Amino acid sequence: MIARDFDSLAMIDREAHLVATELAGKKLDRAACSALMLLAASHREATKMLEDELRALTREMTRVSERRAGCRAYARQNGELDA
Protein backbone atom coordinates (compact mmCIF):
# COMPACT_ATOMS: atom_id res chain seq x y z
CA MET A 1 0.00 0.00 0.00
CA ILE A 2 1.17 3.49 -0.80
CA ALA A 3 2.10 5.47 2.30
CA ARG A 4 -0.24 8.31 3.15
CA ASP A 5 2.06 11.27 2.76
CA PHE A 6 -0.27 14.24 2.82
CA ASP A 7 2.52 16.78 2.35
CA SER A 8 3.48 15.08 -0.92
CA LEU A 9 -0.14 14.92 -2.02
CA ALA A 10 -0.57 18.63 -1.32
CA MET A 11 2.64 19.36 -3.26
CA ILE A 12 1.38 17.38 -6.27
CA ASP A 13 -1.85 19.38 -6.15
CA ARG A 14 0.01 22.72 -6.07
CA GLU A 15 2.40 21.68 -8.84
CA ALA A 16 -0.45 20.48 -11.04
CA HIS A 17 -2.19 23.82 -10.64
CA LEU A 18 1.00 25.79 -11.36
CA VAL A 19 1.82 23.74 -14.45
CA ALA A 20 -1.72 23.98 -15.79
CA THR A 21 -1.71 27.75 -15.26
CA GLU A 22 1.70 28.14 -16.91
CA LEU A 23 0.75 26.03 -19.93
CA ALA A 24 -2.71 27.49 -20.50
CA GLY A 25 -3.06 28.53 -24.12
CA LYS A 26 0.43 27.35 -25.16
CA LYS A 27 1.16 24.90 -27.95
CA LEU A 28 2.99 21.92 -26.45
CA ASP A 29 5.54 19.61 -28.01
CA ARG A 30 5.33 15.83 -27.61
CA ALA A 31 7.58 15.72 -24.51
CA ALA A 32 5.60 18.44 -22.76
CA CYS A 33 2.32 16.69 -23.61
CA SER A 34 3.68 13.42 -22.20
CA ALA A 35 4.87 15.14 -19.04
CA LEU A 36 1.53 16.87 -18.63
CA MET A 37 -0.30 13.56 -19.04
CA LEU A 38 1.87 12.01 -16.32
CA LEU A 39 1.24 14.96 -14.04
CA ALA A 40 -2.50 14.73 -14.65
CA ALA A 41 -2.45 11.01 -13.82
CA SER A 42 -0.50 11.69 -10.61
CA HIS A 43 -2.93 14.43 -9.69
CA ARG A 44 -5.94 12.16 -10.24
CA GLU A 45 -4.35 9.45 -8.08
CA ALA A 46 -3.52 11.94 -5.32
CA THR A 47 -7.07 13.28 -5.38
CA LYS A 48 -8.48 9.75 -5.25
CA MET A 49 -6.28 8.90 -2.26
CA LEU A 50 -7.45 12.01 -0.43
CA GLU A 51 -11.09 11.22 -1.19
CA ASP A 52 -10.62 7.63 0.02
CA GLU A 53 -8.95 8.84 3.21
CA LEU A 54 -11.74 11.35 3.81
CA ARG A 55 -14.36 8.59 3.47
CA ALA A 56 -12.43 6.36 5.89
CA LEU A 57 -12.06 9.21 8.38
CA THR A 58 -15.77 10.01 8.12
CA ARG A 59 -16.67 6.36 8.81
CA GLU A 60 -14.33 6.25 11.80
CA MET A 61 -15.68 9.50 13.25
CA THR A 62 -19.24 8.19 12.86
CA ARG A 63 -18.28 4.96 14.60
CA VAL A 64 -16.64 6.85 17.48
CA SER A 65 -19.66 9.14 17.82
CA GLU A 66 -22.05 6.17 17.90
CA ARG A 67 -19.91 4.40 20.49
CA ARG A 68 -19.74 7.53 22.62
CA ALA A 69 -23.53 7.90 22.49
CA GLY A 70 -23.90 4.27 23.54
CA CYS A 71 -21.50 4.70 26.45
CA ARG A 72 -23.33 7.83 27.62
CA ALA A 73 -26.70 6.06 27.43
CA TYR A 74 -25.31 3.13 29.40
CA ALA A 75 -23.89 5.47 32.04
CA ARG A 76 -27.21 7.32 32.34
CA GLN A 77 -29.08 4.04 32.72
CA ASN A 78 -26.86 3.12 35.64
CA GLY A 79 -27.07 6.58 37.20
CA GLU A 80 -23.37 7.21 36.62
CA LEU A 81 -23.86 10.33 34.54
CA ASP A 82 -25.92 13.42 35.25
CA ALA A 83 -28.48 14.32 32.59
PDB file of N, CA and C in Angstrom:
ATOM      1  N   MET A   1       0.843  -1.189   0.000  1.00  0.00           N
ATOM      2  CA  MET A   1       0.000   0.000   0.000  1.00  0.00           C
ATOM      3  C   MET A   1       0.883   1.245   0.000  1.00  0.00           C
ATOM      4  N   ILE A   2       0.439   2.228  -0.725  1.00  0.00           N
ATOM      5  CA  ILE A   2       1.171   3.491  -0.804  1.00  0.00           C
ATOM      6  C   ILE A   2       1.025   4.223   0.520  1.00  0.00           C
ATOM      7  N   ALA A   3       2.131   4.726   1.032  1.00  0.00           N
ATOM      8  CA  ALA A   3       2.102   5.471   2.297  1.00  0.00           C
ATOM      9  C   ALA A   3       1.259   6.730   2.124  1.00  0.00           C
ATOM     10  N   ARG A   4       0.587   7.097   3.184  1.00  0.00           N
ATOM     11  CA  ARG A   4      -0.243   8.306   3.153  1.00  0.00           C
ATOM     12  C   ARG A   4       0.627   9.501   3.520  1.00  0.00           C
ATOM     13  N   ASP A   5       1.202  10.124   2.540  1.00  0.00           N
ATOM     14  CA  ASP A   5       2.062  11.274   2.758  1.00  0.00           C
ATOM     15  C   ASP A   5       1.312  12.514   2.275  1.00  0.00           C
ATOM     16  N   PHE A   6       0.587  13.141   3.194  1.00  0.00           N
ATOM     17  CA  PHE A   6      -0.275  14.243   2.818  1.00  0.00           C
ATOM     18  C   PHE A   6       0.505  15.468   2.345  1.00  0.00           C
ATOM     19  N   ASP A   7       1.718  15.667   2.840  1.00  0.00           N
ATOM     20  CA  ASP A   7       2.525  16.784   2.347  1.00  0.00           C
ATOM     21  C   ASP A   7       2.837  16.591   0.868  1.00  0.00           C
ATOM     22  N   SER A   8       3.193  15.364   0.486  1.00  0.00           N
ATOM     23  CA  SER A   8       3.481  15.078  -0.923  1.00  0.00           C
ATOM     24  C   SER A   8       2.234  15.234  -1.780  1.00  0.00           C
ATOM     25  N   LEU A   9       1.099  14.782  -1.265  1.00  0.00           N
ATOM     26  CA  LEU A   9      -0.145  14.921  -2.021  1.00  0.00           C
ATOM     27  C   LEU A   9      -0.490  16.391  -2.228  1.00  0.00           C
ATOM     28  N   ALA A  10      -0.301  17.193  -1.202  1.00  0.00           N
ATOM     29  CA  ALA A  10      -0.568  18.628  -1.323  1.00  0.00           C
ATOM     30  C   ALA A  10       0.396  19.270  -2.318  1.00  0.00           C
ATOM     31  N   MET A  11       1.660  18.828  -2.322  1.00  0.00           N
ATOM     32  CA  MET A  11       2.642  19.360  -3.260  1.00  0.00           C
ATOM     33  C   MET A  11       2.257  19.011  -4.698  1.00  0.00           C
ATOM     34  N   ILE A  12       1.817  17.775  -4.928  1.00  0.00           N
ATOM     35  CA  ILE A  12       1.379  17.379  -6.267  1.00  0.00           C
ATOM     36  C   ILE A  12       0.220  18.259  -6.715  1.00  0.00           C
ATOM     37  N   ASP A  13      -0.706  18.536  -5.817  1.00  0.00           N
ATOM     38  CA  ASP A  13      -1.850  19.378  -6.153  1.00  0.00           C
ATOM     39  C   ASP A  13      -1.400  20.781  -6.546  1.00  0.00           C
ATOM     40  N   ARG A  14      -0.498  21.370  -5.752  1.00  0.00           N
ATOM     41  CA  ARG A  14       0.008  22.722  -6.066  1.00  0.00           C
ATOM     42  C   ARG A  14       0.765  22.734  -7.386  1.00  0.00           C
ATOM     43  N   GLU A  15       1.618  21.737  -7.606  1.00  0.00           N
ATOM     44  CA  GLU A  15       2.396  21.683  -8.842  1.00  0.00           C
ATOM     45  C   GLU A  15       1.493  21.502 -10.056  1.00  0.00           C
ATOM     46  N   ALA A  16       0.483  20.680  -9.926  1.00  0.00           N
ATOM     47  CA  ALA A  16      -0.446  20.480 -11.040  1.00  0.00           C
ATOM     48  C   ALA A  16      -1.128  21.796 -11.399  1.00  0.00           C
ATOM     49  N   HIS A  17      -1.542  22.533 -10.389  1.00  0.00           N
ATOM     50  CA  HIS A  17      -2.187  23.820 -10.638  1.00  0.00           C
ATOM     51  C   HIS A  17      -1.215  24.800 -11.298  1.00  0.00           C
ATOM     52  N   LEU A  18       0.010  24.877 -10.793  1.00  0.00           N
ATOM     53  CA  LEU A  18       1.003  25.794 -11.364  1.00  0.00           C
ATOM     54  C   LEU A  18       1.315  25.449 -12.813  1.00  0.00           C
ATOM     55  N   VAL A  19       1.506  24.168 -13.082  1.00  0.00           N
ATOM     56  CA  VAL A  19       1.823  23.743 -14.451  1.00  0.00           C
ATOM     57  C   VAL A  19       0.653  24.044 -15.377  1.00  0.00           C
ATOM     58  N   ALA A  20      -0.545  23.730 -14.953  1.00  0.00           N
ATOM     59  CA  ALA A  20      -1.718  23.985 -15.789  1.00  0.00           C
ATOM     60  C   ALA A  20      -1.867  25.476 -16.077  1.00  0.00           C
ATOM     61  N   THR A  21      -1.626  26.301 -15.074  1.00  0.00           N
ATOM     62  CA  THR A  21      -1.712  27.750 -15.257  1.00  0.00           C
ATOM     63  C   THR A  21      -0.638  28.236 -16.226  1.00  0.00           C
ATOM     64  N   GLU A  22       0.574  27.730 -16.064  1.00  0.00           N
ATOM     65  CA  GLU A  22       1.700  28.136 -16.913  1.00  0.00           C
ATOM     66  C   GLU A  22       1.489  27.717 -18.369  1.00  0.00           C
ATOM     67  N   LEU A  23       0.887  26.571 -18.584  1.00  0.00           N
ATOM     68  CA  LEU A  23       0.747  26.027 -19.934  1.00  0.00           C
ATOM     69  C   LEU A  23      -0.551  26.427 -20.622  1.00  0.00           C
ATOM     70  N   ALA A  24      -1.412  27.115 -19.919  1.00  0.00           N
ATOM     71  CA  ALA A  24      -2.705  27.492 -20.498  1.00  0.00           C
ATOM     72  C   ALA A  24      -2.502  28.292 -21.780  1.00  0.00           C
ATOM     73  N   GLY A  25      -3.109  27.822 -22.852  1.00  0.00           N
ATOM     74  CA  GLY A  25      -3.058  28.532 -24.123  1.00  0.00           C
ATOM     75  C   GLY A  25      -1.783  28.352 -24.923  1.00  0.00           C
ATOM     76  N   LYS A  26      -0.825  27.562 -24.433  1.00  0.00           N
ATOM     77  CA  LYS A  26       0.426  27.355 -25.161  1.00  0.00           C
ATOM     78  C   LYS A  26       0.356  26.077 -25.986  1.00  0.00           C
ATOM     79  N   LYS A  27       1.041  26.108 -27.128  1.00  0.00           N
ATOM     80  CA  LYS A  27       1.155  24.904 -27.948  1.00  0.00           C
ATOM     81  C   LYS A  27       2.294  24.068 -27.363  1.00  0.00           C
ATOM     82  N   LEU A  28       2.024  22.790 -27.111  1.00  0.00           N
ATOM     83  CA  LEU A  28       2.994  21.924 -26.447  1.00  0.00           C
ATOM     84  C   LEU A  28       3.613  20.936 -27.422  1.00  0.00           C
ATOM     85  N   ASP A  29       4.906  20.660 -27.215  1.00  0.00           N
ATOM     86  CA  ASP A  29       5.544  19.611 -28.012  1.00  0.00           C
ATOM     87  C   ASP A  29       5.218  18.252 -27.393  1.00  0.00           C
ATOM     88  N   ARG A  30       5.660  17.186 -28.050  1.00  0.00           N
ATOM     89  CA  ARG A  30       5.326  15.831 -27.609  1.00  0.00           C
ATOM     90  C   ARG A  30       5.811  15.556 -26.184  1.00  0.00           C
ATOM     91  N   ALA A  31       7.035  15.972 -25.853  1.00  0.00           N
ATOM     92  CA  ALA A  31       7.584  15.721 -24.514  1.00  0.00           C
ATOM     93  C   ALA A  31       6.767  16.444 -23.445  1.00  0.00           C
ATOM     94  N   ALA A  32       6.400  17.680 -23.724  1.00  0.00           N
ATOM     95  CA  ALA A  32       5.603  18.443 -22.763  1.00  0.00           C
ATOM     96  C   ALA A  32       4.217  17.822 -22.597  1.00  0.00           C
ATOM     97  N   CYS A  33       3.634  17.358 -23.694  1.00  0.00           N
ATOM     98  CA  CYS A  33       2.324  16.688 -23.610  1.00  0.00           C
ATOM     99  C   CYS A  33       2.424  15.422 -22.770  1.00  0.00           C
ATOM    100  N   SER A  34       3.489  14.647 -22.979  1.00  0.00           N
ATOM    101  CA  SER A  34       3.678  13.418 -22.200  1.00  0.00           C
ATOM    102  C   SER A  34       3.849  13.737 -20.721  1.00  0.00           C
ATOM    103  N   ALA A  35       4.652  14.745 -20.429  1.00  0.00           N
ATOM    104  CA  ALA A  35       4.872  15.139 -19.035  1.00  0.00           C
ATOM    105  C   ALA A  35       3.572  15.619 -18.401  1.00  0.00           C
ATOM    106  N   LEU A  36       2.794  16.371 -19.146  1.00  0.00           N
ATOM    107  CA  LEU A  36       1.527  16.869 -18.630  1.00  0.00           C
ATOM    108  C   LEU A  36       0.549  15.718 -18.374  1.00  0.00           C
ATOM    109  N   MET A  37       0.563  14.724 -19.245  1.00  0.00           N
ATOM    110  CA  MET A  37      -0.300  13.557 -19.042  1.00  0.00           C
ATOM    111  C   MET A  37       0.102  12.802 -17.777  1.00  0.00           C
ATOM    112  N   LEU A  38       1.410  12.669 -17.543  1.00  0.00           N
ATOM    113  CA  LEU A  38       1.874  12.005 -16.319  1.00  0.00           C
ATOM    114  C   LEU A  38       1.489  12.805 -15.077  1.00  0.00           C
ATOM    115  N   LEU A  39       1.621  14.099 -15.161  1.00  0.00           N
ATOM    116  CA  LEU A  39       1.240  14.957 -14.042  1.00  0.00           C
ATOM    117  C   LEU A  39      -0.259  14.851 -13.770  1.00  0.00           C
ATOM    118  N   ALA A  40      -1.049  14.850 -14.825  1.00  0.00           N
ATOM    119  CA  ALA A  40      -2.500  14.729 -14.654  1.00  0.00           C
ATOM    120  C   ALA A  40      -2.857  13.395 -14.005  1.00  0.00           C
ATOM    121  N   ALA A  41      -2.192  12.323 -14.415  1.00  0.00           N
ATOM    122  CA  ALA A  41      -2.451  11.009 -13.815  1.00  0.00           C
ATOM    123  C   ALA A  41      -2.064  11.005 -12.338  1.00  0.00           C
ATOM    124  N   SER A  42      -0.928  11.600 -12.009  1.00  0.00           N
ATOM    125  CA  SER A  42      -0.502  11.691 -10.606  1.00  0.00           C
ATOM    126  C   SER A  42      -1.495  12.507  -9.791  1.00  0.00           C
ATOM    127  N   HIS A  43      -1.972  13.577 -10.375  1.00  0.00           N
ATOM    128  CA  HIS A  43      -2.934  14.433  -9.686  1.00  0.00           C
ATOM    129  C   HIS A  43      -4.242  13.686  -9.436  1.00  0.00           C
ATOM    130  N   ARG A  44      -4.717  12.944 -10.429  1.00  0.00           N
ATOM    131  CA  ARG A  44      -5.940  12.157 -10.243  1.00  0.00           C
ATOM    132  C   ARG A  44      -5.765  11.134  -9.128  1.00  0.00           C
ATOM    133  N   GLU A  45      -4.611  10.461  -9.109  1.00  0.00           N
ATOM    134  CA  GLU A  45      -4.352   9.449  -8.079  1.00  0.00           C
ATOM    135  C   GLU A  45      -4.272  10.095  -6.692  1.00  0.00           C
ATOM    136  N   ALA A  46      -3.611  11.241  -6.605  1.00  0.00           N
ATOM    137  CA  ALA A  46      -3.516  11.941  -5.320  1.00  0.00           C
ATOM    138  C   ALA A  46      -4.904  12.360  -4.837  1.00  0.00           C
ATOM    139  N   THR A  47      -5.714  12.874  -5.741  1.00  0.00           N
ATOM    140  CA  THR A  47      -7.070  13.282  -5.385  1.00  0.00           C
ATOM    141  C   THR A  47      -7.890  12.085  -4.926  1.00  0.00           C
ATOM    142  N   LYS A  48      -7.758  10.967  -5.633  1.00  0.00           N
ATOM    143  CA  LYS A  48      -8.485   9.753  -5.255  1.00  0.00           C
ATOM    144  C   LYS A  48      -8.056   9.282  -3.864  1.00  0.00           C
ATOM    145  N   MET A  49      -6.759   9.317  -3.581  1.00  0.00           N
ATOM    146  CA  MET A  49      -6.276   8.902  -2.264  1.00  0.00           C
ATOM    147  C   MET A  49      -6.856   9.792  -1.167  1.00  0.00           C
ATOM    148  N   LEU A  50      -6.891  11.088  -1.417  1.00  0.00           N
ATOM    149  CA  LEU A  50      -7.450  12.008  -0.426  1.00  0.00           C
ATOM    150  C   LEU A  50      -8.943  11.764  -0.217  1.00  0.00           C
ATOM    151  N   GLU A  51      -9.665  11.511  -1.310  1.00  0.00           N
ATOM    152  CA  GLU A  51     -11.094  11.220  -1.187  1.00  0.00           C
ATOM    153  C   GLU A  51     -11.322   9.925  -0.416  1.00  0.00           C
ATOM    154  N   ASP A  52     -10.515   8.902  -0.704  1.00  0.00           N
ATOM    155  CA  ASP A  52     -10.625   7.627   0.019  1.00  0.00           C
ATOM    156  C   ASP A  52     -10.338   7.820   1.505  1.00  0.00           C
ATOM    157  N   GLU A  53      -9.312   8.587   1.809  1.00  0.00           N
ATOM    158  CA  GLU A  53      -8.951   8.836   3.205  1.00  0.00           C
ATOM    159  C   GLU A  53     -10.051   9.619   3.919  1.00  0.00           C
ATOM    160  N   LEU A  54     -10.642  10.581   3.227  1.00  0.00           N
ATOM    161  CA  LEU A  54     -11.737  11.350   3.814  1.00  0.00           C
ATOM    162  C   LEU A  54     -12.929  10.443   4.130  1.00  0.00           C
ATOM    163  N   ARG A  55     -13.264   9.532   3.215  1.00  0.00           N
ATOM    164  CA  ARG A  55     -14.362   8.594   3.474  1.00  0.00           C
ATOM    165  C   ARG A  55     -14.045   7.709   4.676  1.00  0.00           C
ATOM    166  N   ALA A  56     -12.815   7.208   4.754  1.00  0.00           N
ATOM    167  CA  ALA A  56     -12.425   6.360   5.886  1.00  0.00           C
ATOM    168  C   ALA A  56     -12.490   7.144   7.197  1.00  0.00           C
ATOM    169  N   LEU A  57     -12.023   8.370   7.188  1.00  0.00           N
ATOM    170  CA  LEU A  57     -12.063   9.210   8.383  1.00  0.00           C
ATOM    171  C   LEU A  57     -13.505   9.501   8.799  1.00  0.00           C
ATOM    172  N   THR A  58     -14.362   9.762   7.830  1.00  0.00           N
ATOM    173  CA  THR A  58     -15.773  10.013   8.125  1.00  0.00           C
ATOM    174  C   THR A  58     -16.419   8.786   8.761  1.00  0.00           C
ATOM    175  N   ARG A  59     -16.139   7.599   8.217  1.00  0.00           N
ATOM    176  CA  ARG A  59     -16.675   6.364   8.805  1.00  0.00           C
ATOM    177  C   ARG A  59     -16.180   6.180  10.234  1.00  0.00           C
ATOM    178  N   GLU A  60     -14.899   6.423  10.460  1.00  0.00           N
ATOM    179  CA  GLU A  60     -14.326   6.252  11.798  1.00  0.00           C
ATOM    180  C   GLU A  60     -14.924   7.252  12.783  1.00  0.00           C
ATOM    181  N   MET A  61     -15.084   8.491  12.365  1.00  0.00           N
ATOM    182  CA  MET A  61     -15.677   9.503  13.246  1.00  0.00           C
ATOM    183  C   MET A  61     -17.130   9.150  13.574  1.00  0.00           C
ATOM    184  N   THR A  62     -17.865   8.626  12.607  1.00  0.00           N
ATOM    185  CA  THR A  62     -19.243   8.195  12.856  1.00  0.00           C
ATOM    186  C   THR A  62     -19.262   7.056  13.861  1.00  0.00           C
ATOM    187  N   ARG A  63     -18.363   6.098  13.689  1.00  0.00           N
ATOM    188  CA  ARG A  63     -18.279   4.957  14.599  1.00  0.00           C
ATOM    189  C   ARG A  63     -17.960   5.418  16.021  1.00  0.00           C
ATOM    190  N   VAL A  64     -17.014   6.334  16.156  1.00  0.00           N
ATOM    191  CA  VAL A  64     -16.640   6.850  17.476  1.00  0.00           C
ATOM    192  C   VAL A  64     -17.820   7.596  18.104  1.00  0.00           C
ATOM    193  N   SER A  65     -18.510   8.390  17.309  1.00  0.00           N
ATOM    194  CA  SER A  65     -19.660   9.136  17.818  1.00  0.00           C
ATOM    195  C   SER A  65     -20.765   8.194  18.290  1.00  0.00           C
ATOM    196  N   GLU A  66     -21.019   7.144  17.507  1.00  0.00           N
ATOM    197  CA  GLU A  66     -22.045   6.172  17.904  1.00  0.00           C
ATOM    198  C   GLU A  66     -21.644   5.445  19.186  1.00  0.00           C
ATOM    199  N   ARG A  67     -20.376   5.096  19.283  1.00  0.00           N
ATOM    200  CA  ARG A  67     -19.909   4.404  20.486  1.00  0.00           C
ATOM    201  C   ARG A  67     -20.015   5.319  21.706  1.00  0.00           C
ATOM    202  N   ARG A  68     -19.658   6.562  21.526  1.00  0.00           N
ATOM    203  CA  ARG A  68     -19.740   7.532  22.624  1.00  0.00           C
ATOM    204  C   ARG A  68     -21.186   7.679  23.086  1.00  0.00           C
ATOM    205  N   ALA A  69     -22.110   7.778  22.130  1.00  0.00           N
ATOM    206  CA  ALA A  69     -23.525   7.903  22.489  1.00  0.00           C
ATOM    207  C   ALA A  69     -23.990   6.667  23.254  1.00  0.00           C
ATOM    208  N   GLY A  70     -23.546   5.504  22.841  1.00  0.00           N
ATOM    209  CA  GLY A  70     -23.904   4.273  23.543  1.00  0.00           C
ATOM    210  C   GLY A  70     -23.351   4.242  24.953  1.00  0.00           C
ATOM    211  N   CYS A  71     -22.124   4.666  25.118  1.00  0.00           N
ATOM    212  CA  CYS A  71     -21.503   4.698  26.453  1.00  0.00           C
ATOM    213  C   CYS A  71     -22.227   5.683  27.363  1.00  0.00           C
ATOM    214  N   ARG A  72     -22.605   6.830  26.820  1.00  0.00           N
ATOM    215  CA  ARG A  72     -23.327   7.829  27.618  1.00  0.00           C
ATOM    216  C   ARG A  72     -24.697   7.294  28.035  1.00  0.00           C
ATOM    217  N   ALA A  73     -25.383   6.631  27.103  1.00  0.00           N
ATOM    218  CA  ALA A  73     -26.697   6.061  27.428  1.00  0.00           C
ATOM    219  C   ALA A  73     -26.560   4.990  28.501  1.00  0.00           C
ATOM    220  N   TYR A  74     -25.547   4.178  28.405  1.00  0.00           N
ATOM    221  CA  TYR A  74     -25.307   3.129  29.402  1.00  0.00           C
ATOM    222  C   TYR A  74     -25.029   3.751  30.769  1.00  0.00           C
ATOM    223  N   ALA A  75     -24.216   4.797  30.783  1.00  0.00           N
ATOM    224  CA  ALA A  75     -23.885   5.468  32.042  1.00  0.00           C
ATOM    225  C   ALA A  75     -25.129   6.108  32.658  1.00  0.00           C
ATOM    226  N   ARG A  76     -25.973   6.716  31.826  1.00  0.00           N
ATOM    227  CA  ARG A  76     -27.210   7.320  32.339  1.00  0.00           C
ATOM    228  C   ARG A  76     -28.122   6.255  32.937  1.00  0.00           C
ATOM    229  N   GLN A  77     -28.214   5.134  32.264  1.00  0.00           N
ATOM    230  CA  GLN A  77     -29.079   4.043  32.718  1.00  0.00           C
ATOM    231  C   GLN A  77     -28.659   3.563  34.103  1.00  0.00           C
ATOM    232  N   ASN A  78     -27.379   3.572  34.356  1.00  0.00           N
ATOM    233  CA  ASN A  78     -26.856   3.115  35.639  1.00  0.00           C
ATOM    234  C   ASN A  78     -26.668   4.253  36.637  1.00  0.00           C
ATOM    235  N   GLY A  79     -27.153   5.444  36.296  1.00  0.00           N
ATOM    236  CA  GLY A  79     -27.068   6.578  37.205  1.00  0.00           C
ATOM    237  C   GLY A  79     -25.661   7.099  37.404  1.00  0.00           C
ATOM    238  N   GLU A  80     -24.765   6.795  36.475  1.00  0.00           N
ATOM    239  CA  GLU A  80     -23.372   7.211  36.619  1.00  0.00           C
ATOM    240  C   GLU A  80     -23.100   8.570  35.991  1.00  0.00           C
ATOM    241  N   LEU A  81     -24.073   9.080  35.254  1.00  0.00           N
ATOM    242  CA  LEU A  81     -23.856  10.329  34.539  1.00  0.00           C
ATOM    243  C   LEU A  81     -25.069  11.222  34.748  1.00  0.00           C
ATOM    244  N   ASP A  82     -24.811  12.469  35.088  1.00  0.00           N
ATOM    245  CA  ASP A  82     -25.919  13.418  35.246  1.00  0.00           C
ATOM    246  C   ASP A  82     -26.498  13.740  33.882  1.00  0.00           C
ATOM    247  N   ALA A  83     -27.799  13.973  33.847  1.00  0.00           N
ATOM    248  CA  ALA A  83     -28.476  14.318  32.593  1.00  0.00           C
ATOM    249  C   ALA A  83     -28.037  15.686  32.206  1.00  0.00           C
TER     250      ALA A  83
END
